N, C-alpha and C. Protein backbone atom coordinates (compact mmCIF):
# COMPACT_ATOMS: atom_id res chain seq x y z
N UNK A 1 104.19 132.63 100.98
CA UNK A 1 104.12 131.27 101.48
C UNK A 1 102.78 131.08 102.19
N UNK A 2 102.11 129.99 101.87
CA UNK A 2 100.86 129.66 102.55
C UNK A 2 101.19 128.88 103.82
N UNK A 3 100.55 129.25 104.90
CA UNK A 3 100.81 128.61 106.20
C UNK A 3 99.63 127.71 106.55
N UNK A 4 99.92 126.45 106.80
CA UNK A 4 98.85 125.55 107.24
C UNK A 4 98.72 125.63 108.76
N UNK A 5 97.82 124.83 109.33
CA UNK A 5 97.55 124.88 110.76
C UNK A 5 98.78 124.50 111.59
N UNK A 6 99.57 123.55 111.10
CA UNK A 6 100.77 123.16 111.85
C UNK A 6 101.78 124.30 111.85
N UNK A 7 101.97 124.96 110.70
CA UNK A 7 102.88 126.11 110.64
C UNK A 7 102.43 127.19 111.61
N UNK A 8 101.15 127.48 111.63
CA UNK A 8 100.62 128.52 112.52
C UNK A 8 100.81 128.14 113.98
N UNK A 9 100.62 126.88 114.29
CA UNK A 9 100.81 126.43 115.68
C UNK A 9 102.28 126.55 116.07
N UNK A 10 103.18 126.18 115.14
CA UNK A 10 104.62 126.34 115.39
C UNK A 10 104.94 127.81 115.66
N UNK A 11 104.41 128.70 114.84
CA UNK A 11 104.66 130.13 115.02
C UNK A 11 104.11 130.62 116.36
N UNK A 12 102.91 130.19 116.69
CA UNK A 12 102.31 130.60 117.96
C UNK A 12 103.16 130.14 119.14
N UNK A 13 103.58 128.89 119.13
CA UNK A 13 104.35 128.35 120.24
C UNK A 13 105.73 128.98 120.35
N UNK A 14 106.41 129.15 119.23
CA UNK A 14 107.75 129.75 119.27
C UNK A 14 107.70 131.23 119.66
N UNK A 15 106.64 131.92 119.25
CA UNK A 15 106.50 133.31 119.65
C UNK A 15 106.33 133.41 121.17
N UNK A 16 105.64 132.47 121.75
CA UNK A 16 105.42 132.46 123.19
C UNK A 16 106.68 132.04 123.94
N UNK A 17 107.43 131.07 123.37
CA UNK A 17 108.63 130.55 124.04
C UNK A 17 109.65 130.14 122.99
N UNK A 18 110.51 131.08 122.62
CA UNK A 18 111.54 130.83 121.61
C UNK A 18 112.63 129.88 122.05
N UNK A 19 112.68 129.56 123.34
CA UNK A 19 113.69 128.63 123.86
C UNK A 19 113.21 127.19 123.87
N UNK A 20 111.99 126.97 123.44
CA UNK A 20 111.45 125.62 123.41
C UNK A 20 112.32 124.74 122.52
N UNK A 21 112.60 123.53 122.97
CA UNK A 21 113.41 122.62 122.16
C UNK A 21 112.59 122.13 120.97
N UNK A 22 113.28 121.72 119.93
CA UNK A 22 112.60 121.18 118.76
C UNK A 22 111.81 119.92 119.12
N UNK A 23 112.33 119.11 120.02
CA UNK A 23 111.63 117.90 120.44
C UNK A 23 110.30 118.26 121.11
N UNK A 24 110.34 119.23 122.02
CA UNK A 24 109.12 119.66 122.70
C UNK A 24 108.14 120.28 121.70
N UNK A 25 108.65 121.12 120.80
CA UNK A 25 107.81 121.75 119.80
C UNK A 25 107.14 120.69 118.93
N UNK A 26 107.92 119.74 118.47
CA UNK A 26 107.38 118.67 117.62
C UNK A 26 106.27 117.91 118.33
N UNK A 27 106.51 117.60 119.59
CA UNK A 27 105.51 116.87 120.38
C UNK A 27 104.22 117.67 120.49
N UNK A 28 104.35 118.98 120.70
CA UNK A 28 103.15 119.82 120.91
C UNK A 28 102.36 120.07 119.63
N UNK A 29 103.03 119.94 118.46
CA UNK A 29 102.30 120.14 117.20
C UNK A 29 101.95 118.82 116.52
N UNK A 30 102.35 117.69 117.13
CA UNK A 30 101.97 116.39 116.60
C UNK A 30 102.84 115.88 115.48
N UNK A 31 104.12 116.27 115.49
CA UNK A 31 105.07 115.78 114.48
C UNK A 31 106.23 115.10 115.18
N UNK A 32 107.05 114.41 114.39
CA UNK A 32 108.33 113.95 114.92
C UNK A 32 109.33 115.09 114.73
N UNK A 33 110.46 114.97 115.39
CA UNK A 33 111.43 116.08 115.40
C UNK A 33 111.95 116.48 114.01
N UNK A 34 112.36 115.55 113.13
CA UNK A 34 112.94 115.98 111.84
C UNK A 34 111.99 116.81 110.96
N UNK A 35 110.72 116.38 110.76
CA UNK A 35 109.85 117.24 109.93
C UNK A 35 109.51 118.56 110.62
N UNK A 36 109.47 118.56 111.94
CA UNK A 36 109.21 119.81 112.66
C UNK A 36 110.36 120.79 112.42
N UNK A 37 111.58 120.29 112.53
CA UNK A 37 112.74 121.15 112.29
C UNK A 37 112.75 121.67 110.86
N UNK A 38 112.38 120.83 109.89
CA UNK A 38 112.31 121.28 108.48
C UNK A 38 111.30 122.41 108.33
N UNK A 39 110.16 122.28 109.01
CA UNK A 39 109.15 123.34 108.95
C UNK A 39 109.66 124.63 109.58
N UNK A 40 110.33 124.53 110.73
CA UNK A 40 110.88 125.73 111.38
C UNK A 40 111.88 126.40 110.45
N UNK A 41 112.77 125.63 109.85
CA UNK A 41 113.76 126.19 108.92
C UNK A 41 113.08 126.86 107.73
N UNK A 42 112.02 126.23 107.20
CA UNK A 42 111.28 126.82 106.08
C UNK A 42 110.62 128.14 106.50
N UNK A 43 110.08 128.18 107.72
CA UNK A 43 109.47 129.42 108.22
C UNK A 43 110.52 130.52 108.39
N UNK A 44 111.72 130.14 108.83
CA UNK A 44 112.82 131.11 108.94
C UNK A 44 113.23 131.62 107.57
N UNK A 45 113.40 130.70 106.61
CA UNK A 45 113.82 131.08 105.26
C UNK A 45 112.78 131.94 104.56
N UNK A 46 111.50 131.70 104.85
CA UNK A 46 110.42 132.49 104.25
C UNK A 46 110.30 133.88 104.90
N UNK A 47 111.01 134.09 106.02
CA UNK A 47 110.95 135.38 106.69
C UNK A 47 109.84 135.49 107.72
N UNK A 48 109.06 134.43 107.92
CA UNK A 48 108.00 134.47 108.93
C UNK A 48 108.60 134.54 110.33
N UNK A 49 109.73 133.88 110.53
CA UNK A 49 110.47 133.97 111.78
C UNK A 49 111.72 134.78 111.48
N UNK A 50 111.78 136.00 112.05
CA UNK A 50 112.92 136.89 111.79
C UNK A 50 114.08 136.67 112.73
N UNK A 51 113.83 136.07 113.89
CA UNK A 51 114.92 135.86 114.83
C UNK A 51 114.37 135.44 116.18
N UNK A 52 115.27 135.25 117.12
CA UNK A 52 114.93 134.84 118.47
C UNK A 52 115.65 135.78 119.42
N UNK A 53 114.97 136.17 120.50
CA UNK A 53 115.61 137.08 121.44
C UNK A 53 115.02 136.90 122.85
N UNK A 54 115.75 137.42 123.80
CA UNK A 54 115.25 137.45 125.18
C UNK A 54 114.46 138.73 125.38
N UNK A 55 113.38 138.66 126.12
CA UNK A 55 112.56 139.83 126.44
C UNK A 55 113.10 140.42 127.74
N UNK A 56 113.88 141.49 127.62
CA UNK A 56 114.56 142.08 128.77
C UNK A 56 113.68 143.13 129.45
N UNK A 57 113.84 143.26 130.75
CA UNK A 57 113.11 144.27 131.51
C UNK A 57 113.93 145.56 131.54
N UNK A 58 113.44 146.59 130.87
CA UNK A 58 114.17 147.85 130.74
C UNK A 58 114.50 148.47 132.10
N UNK A 59 113.53 148.53 132.99
CA UNK A 59 113.74 149.18 134.30
C UNK A 59 114.81 148.44 135.10
N UNK A 60 114.77 147.13 135.10
CA UNK A 60 115.75 146.34 135.84
C UNK A 60 117.16 146.60 135.32
N UNK A 61 117.27 146.87 134.02
CA UNK A 61 118.58 147.08 133.39
C UNK A 61 118.97 148.55 133.31
N UNK A 62 118.26 149.41 134.07
CA UNK A 62 118.68 150.81 134.17
C UNK A 62 118.00 151.77 133.21
N UNK A 63 116.90 151.36 132.59
CA UNK A 63 116.16 152.24 131.67
C UNK A 63 114.70 152.32 132.10
N UNK A 64 114.41 152.98 133.24
CA UNK A 64 113.03 153.03 133.73
C UNK A 64 112.15 154.05 133.00
N UNK A 65 112.75 154.90 132.19
CA UNK A 65 112.00 155.95 131.49
C UNK A 65 111.73 155.51 130.04
N UNK A 66 110.46 155.57 129.64
CA UNK A 66 110.09 155.33 128.24
C UNK A 66 109.33 156.55 127.76
N UNK A 67 109.75 157.06 126.61
CA UNK A 67 109.16 158.26 126.04
C UNK A 67 108.80 157.98 124.59
N UNK A 68 107.67 158.50 124.16
CA UNK A 68 107.31 158.46 122.75
C UNK A 68 107.53 159.86 122.20
N UNK A 69 108.26 159.94 121.10
CA UNK A 69 108.56 161.23 120.47
C UNK A 69 107.91 161.25 119.09
N UNK A 70 107.12 162.29 118.84
CA UNK A 70 106.49 162.49 117.55
C UNK A 70 107.31 163.53 116.80
N UNK A 71 107.86 163.11 115.67
CA UNK A 71 108.79 163.94 114.92
C UNK A 71 108.18 164.37 113.59
N UNK A 72 108.22 165.67 113.32
CA UNK A 72 107.81 166.21 112.03
C UNK A 72 109.06 166.70 111.30
N UNK A 73 109.13 166.39 110.03
CA UNK A 73 110.27 166.83 109.22
C UNK A 73 109.85 167.99 108.32
N UNK A 74 110.84 168.76 107.90
CA UNK A 74 110.57 169.88 106.98
C UNK A 74 110.27 169.38 105.58
N UNK A 75 110.91 168.27 105.19
CA UNK A 75 110.73 167.70 103.86
C UNK A 75 110.42 166.22 103.99
N UNK A 76 109.51 165.77 103.13
CA UNK A 76 109.17 164.35 103.12
C UNK A 76 109.68 163.67 101.85
N UNK A 77 110.68 164.30 101.22
CA UNK A 77 111.31 163.65 100.06
C UNK A 77 111.94 162.35 100.52
N UNK A 78 111.92 161.35 99.68
CA UNK A 78 112.39 160.01 100.08
C UNK A 78 113.80 160.04 100.65
N UNK A 79 114.70 160.82 100.06
CA UNK A 79 116.08 160.85 100.59
C UNK A 79 116.13 161.48 101.98
N UNK A 80 115.24 162.42 102.27
CA UNK A 80 115.20 163.04 103.60
C UNK A 80 114.61 162.08 104.63
N UNK A 81 113.60 161.33 104.23
CA UNK A 81 113.02 160.31 105.13
C UNK A 81 114.07 159.24 105.43
N UNK A 82 114.75 158.78 104.40
CA UNK A 82 115.79 157.75 104.58
C UNK A 82 116.93 158.26 105.44
N UNK A 83 117.30 159.53 105.27
CA UNK A 83 118.39 160.11 106.07
C UNK A 83 118.00 160.17 107.55
N UNK A 84 116.75 160.52 107.83
CA UNK A 84 116.30 160.55 109.21
C UNK A 84 116.30 159.15 109.81
N UNK A 85 115.79 158.18 109.06
CA UNK A 85 115.79 156.80 109.53
C UNK A 85 117.20 156.30 109.81
N UNK A 86 118.14 156.65 108.95
CA UNK A 86 119.54 156.25 109.16
C UNK A 86 120.10 156.93 110.41
N UNK A 87 119.73 158.18 110.63
CA UNK A 87 120.21 158.91 111.80
C UNK A 87 119.71 158.25 113.09
N UNK A 88 118.40 157.97 113.18
CA UNK A 88 117.88 157.39 114.43
C UNK A 88 118.38 155.96 114.64
N UNK A 89 118.77 155.29 113.56
CA UNK A 89 119.32 153.94 113.70
C UNK A 89 120.64 153.95 114.48
N UNK A 90 121.29 155.11 114.54
CA UNK A 90 122.57 155.22 115.26
C UNK A 90 122.39 155.54 116.75
N UNK A 91 121.16 155.79 117.18
CA UNK A 91 120.88 156.16 118.58
C UNK A 91 120.38 154.92 119.31
N UNK A 92 121.20 154.30 120.17
CA UNK A 92 120.80 153.04 120.80
C UNK A 92 119.54 153.14 121.64
N UNK A 93 119.29 154.29 122.24
CA UNK A 93 118.11 154.45 123.10
C UNK A 93 116.80 154.51 122.29
N UNK A 94 116.88 154.78 121.00
CA UNK A 94 115.69 154.73 120.16
C UNK A 94 115.44 153.26 119.84
N UNK A 95 114.41 152.70 120.44
CA UNK A 95 114.14 151.26 120.31
C UNK A 95 113.19 150.95 119.16
N UNK A 96 112.36 151.91 118.79
CA UNK A 96 111.44 151.73 117.66
C UNK A 96 111.33 153.04 116.91
N UNK A 97 111.17 152.92 115.61
CA UNK A 97 110.96 154.09 114.75
C UNK A 97 109.94 153.70 113.69
N UNK A 98 108.80 154.39 113.68
CA UNK A 98 107.74 154.09 112.73
C UNK A 98 107.41 155.35 111.92
N UNK A 99 107.41 155.23 110.60
CA UNK A 99 106.95 156.33 109.76
C UNK A 99 105.43 156.29 109.74
N UNK A 100 104.81 157.47 109.90
CA UNK A 100 103.36 157.56 110.00
C UNK A 100 102.77 158.29 108.80
N UNK A 101 101.49 158.10 108.62
CA UNK A 101 100.71 158.84 107.65
C UNK A 101 100.01 159.95 108.44
N UNK A 102 100.06 161.16 107.93
CA UNK A 102 99.35 162.24 108.61
C UNK A 102 100.26 163.38 109.00
N UNK A 103 99.86 164.10 110.03
CA UNK A 103 100.56 165.32 110.47
C UNK A 103 101.96 165.04 111.00
N UNK A 104 102.14 163.93 111.68
CA UNK A 104 103.43 163.55 112.25
C UNK A 104 104.11 162.59 111.27
N UNK A 105 105.41 162.77 111.06
CA UNK A 105 106.13 161.91 110.12
C UNK A 105 106.63 160.62 110.76
N UNK A 106 107.12 160.69 112.00
CA UNK A 106 107.66 159.52 112.68
C UNK A 106 107.25 159.52 114.14
N UNK A 107 107.08 158.32 114.68
CA UNK A 107 106.95 158.17 116.12
C UNK A 107 108.09 157.26 116.57
N UNK A 108 108.77 157.69 117.62
CA UNK A 108 109.91 156.95 118.15
C UNK A 108 109.60 156.49 119.56
N UNK A 109 110.03 155.29 119.88
CA UNK A 109 109.98 154.81 121.27
C UNK A 109 111.41 154.89 121.78
N UNK A 110 111.59 155.65 122.86
CA UNK A 110 112.92 155.92 123.39
C UNK A 110 112.97 155.49 124.85
N UNK A 111 114.04 154.82 125.24
CA UNK A 111 114.25 154.48 126.65
C UNK A 111 115.41 155.33 127.17
N UNK A 112 115.35 155.64 128.47
CA UNK A 112 116.41 156.44 129.08
C UNK A 112 116.59 156.04 130.53
N UNK A 113 117.79 156.34 131.05
CA UNK A 113 118.09 156.00 132.44
C UNK A 113 117.40 156.95 133.41
N UNK A 114 117.17 158.19 132.97
CA UNK A 114 116.48 159.18 133.80
C UNK A 114 116.05 160.32 132.89
N UNK A 115 115.36 161.31 133.45
CA UNK A 115 114.89 162.43 132.63
C UNK A 115 116.03 163.24 132.04
N UNK A 116 117.10 163.39 132.80
CA UNK A 116 118.26 164.11 132.29
C UNK A 116 118.85 163.37 131.08
N UNK A 117 118.91 162.05 131.18
CA UNK A 117 119.41 161.25 130.05
C UNK A 117 118.52 161.40 128.83
N UNK A 118 117.20 161.42 129.02
CA UNK A 118 116.30 161.63 127.90
C UNK A 118 116.50 163.01 127.30
N UNK A 119 116.63 164.03 128.16
CA UNK A 119 116.84 165.39 127.68
C UNK A 119 118.11 165.47 126.83
N UNK A 120 119.13 164.76 127.24
CA UNK A 120 120.39 164.73 126.47
C UNK A 120 120.16 164.14 125.08
N UNK A 121 119.42 163.04 125.01
CA UNK A 121 119.12 162.43 123.71
C UNK A 121 118.34 163.41 122.85
N UNK A 122 117.34 164.05 123.45
CA UNK A 122 116.50 164.99 122.73
C UNK A 122 117.31 166.17 122.20
N UNK A 123 118.14 166.76 123.07
CA UNK A 123 118.85 167.99 122.70
C UNK A 123 120.08 167.75 121.82
N UNK A 124 120.69 166.58 121.92
CA UNK A 124 121.90 166.36 121.13
C UNK A 124 121.68 165.51 119.89
N UNK A 125 120.62 164.68 119.90
CA UNK A 125 120.43 163.78 118.76
C UNK A 125 119.17 164.04 117.94
N UNK A 126 118.09 164.49 118.57
CA UNK A 126 116.84 164.59 117.82
C UNK A 126 116.55 165.99 117.29
N UNK A 127 116.41 166.97 118.18
CA UNK A 127 116.03 168.30 117.70
C UNK A 127 117.05 168.93 116.75
N UNK A 128 118.37 168.71 116.93
CA UNK A 128 119.29 169.31 115.98
C UNK A 128 119.53 168.47 114.71
N UNK A 129 118.88 167.35 114.59
CA UNK A 129 119.09 166.49 113.41
C UNK A 129 118.65 167.23 112.15
N UNK A 130 119.34 166.99 111.05
CA UNK A 130 118.96 167.64 109.80
C UNK A 130 117.51 167.37 109.42
N UNK A 131 116.84 168.40 108.95
CA UNK A 131 115.48 168.31 108.42
C UNK A 131 114.40 168.16 109.49
N UNK A 132 114.74 168.17 110.78
CA UNK A 132 113.73 168.05 111.82
C UNK A 132 113.06 169.41 112.04
N UNK A 133 111.74 169.45 111.88
CA UNK A 133 110.98 170.69 112.09
C UNK A 133 110.51 170.79 113.54
N UNK A 134 110.04 169.67 114.10
CA UNK A 134 109.58 169.71 115.48
C UNK A 134 109.60 168.31 116.08
N UNK A 135 109.73 168.30 117.42
CA UNK A 135 109.67 167.04 118.17
C UNK A 135 108.74 167.27 119.36
N UNK A 136 107.69 166.47 119.46
CA UNK A 136 106.77 166.53 120.59
C UNK A 136 106.92 165.21 121.34
N UNK A 137 107.02 165.30 122.67
CA UNK A 137 107.28 164.08 123.44
C UNK A 137 106.19 163.83 124.47
N UNK A 138 105.99 162.56 124.77
CA UNK A 138 105.08 162.13 125.83
C UNK A 138 105.78 161.06 126.64
N UNK A 139 105.89 161.31 127.93
CA UNK A 139 106.50 160.38 128.88
C UNK A 139 105.46 159.36 129.30
N UNK A 140 105.79 158.09 129.26
CA UNK A 140 104.83 157.08 129.70
C UNK A 140 104.74 157.08 131.22
N UNK A 141 103.54 156.91 131.72
CA UNK A 141 103.31 156.82 133.16
C UNK A 141 103.28 155.36 133.57
N UNK A 142 102.60 154.54 132.80
CA UNK A 142 102.62 153.09 133.02
C UNK A 142 102.23 152.43 131.70
N UNK A 143 102.55 151.16 131.62
CA UNK A 143 102.22 150.38 130.42
C UNK A 143 101.16 149.37 130.81
N UNK A 144 99.99 149.47 130.19
CA UNK A 144 98.88 148.57 130.50
C UNK A 144 98.94 147.29 129.68
N UNK A 145 99.58 147.35 128.52
CA UNK A 145 99.67 146.18 127.66
C UNK A 145 100.90 146.31 126.79
N UNK A 146 101.70 145.27 126.74
CA UNK A 146 102.88 145.26 125.88
C UNK A 146 103.16 143.81 125.47
N UNK A 147 102.48 143.37 124.47
CA UNK A 147 102.66 141.99 124.00
C UNK A 147 103.64 141.98 122.84
N UNK A 148 104.60 141.08 122.87
CA UNK A 148 105.51 140.98 121.73
C UNK A 148 104.81 140.25 120.59
N UNK A 149 105.30 140.45 119.40
CA UNK A 149 104.82 139.68 118.26
C UNK A 149 103.46 140.12 117.75
N UNK A 150 102.78 139.15 117.14
CA UNK A 150 101.48 139.39 116.52
C UNK A 150 100.50 138.31 116.92
N UNK A 151 99.19 138.55 116.76
CA UNK A 151 98.25 137.46 117.01
C UNK A 151 98.37 136.41 115.91
N UNK A 152 98.50 135.15 116.29
CA UNK A 152 98.58 134.06 115.31
C UNK A 152 97.27 133.29 115.41
N UNK A 153 96.54 133.26 114.32
CA UNK A 153 95.25 132.58 114.30
C UNK A 153 95.45 131.11 113.97
N UNK A 154 95.09 130.26 114.91
CA UNK A 154 95.20 128.81 114.73
C UNK A 154 93.79 128.25 114.80
N UNK A 155 93.43 127.52 113.76
CA UNK A 155 92.10 126.87 113.76
C UNK A 155 91.00 127.66 113.22
């Protein structure tokens, strides 16, 4: 789907504030409400907008620990990669899972209530998982930048 300037502006505004009303959105992009809503629906149907969510504060909700785990597998056969991805999908504390090119096969972003909780996830869910050769972890000290979404170029 080709995105014109109005589509890009809609995406930029909704990414910044997904709770914005259609009337407000339409006003800010220079449309009336019905065509604006049609454009939003088209962007959703095209997959450009995957969903809407609240940006929750992990520490406030009892998850002050964030760890990145670099996982190497013994086999990189497609069924083994898919099996690992399916396994980590069952672990609620694993918030992101990215397959990488290079020495490490996957990087995981994991949240935990404390170090003991992270150790439990590591020892019961990650290191004993089938086909896992090694897991290297790095505990975050602070986050300097964490922007949701992607840069949307308008204009």
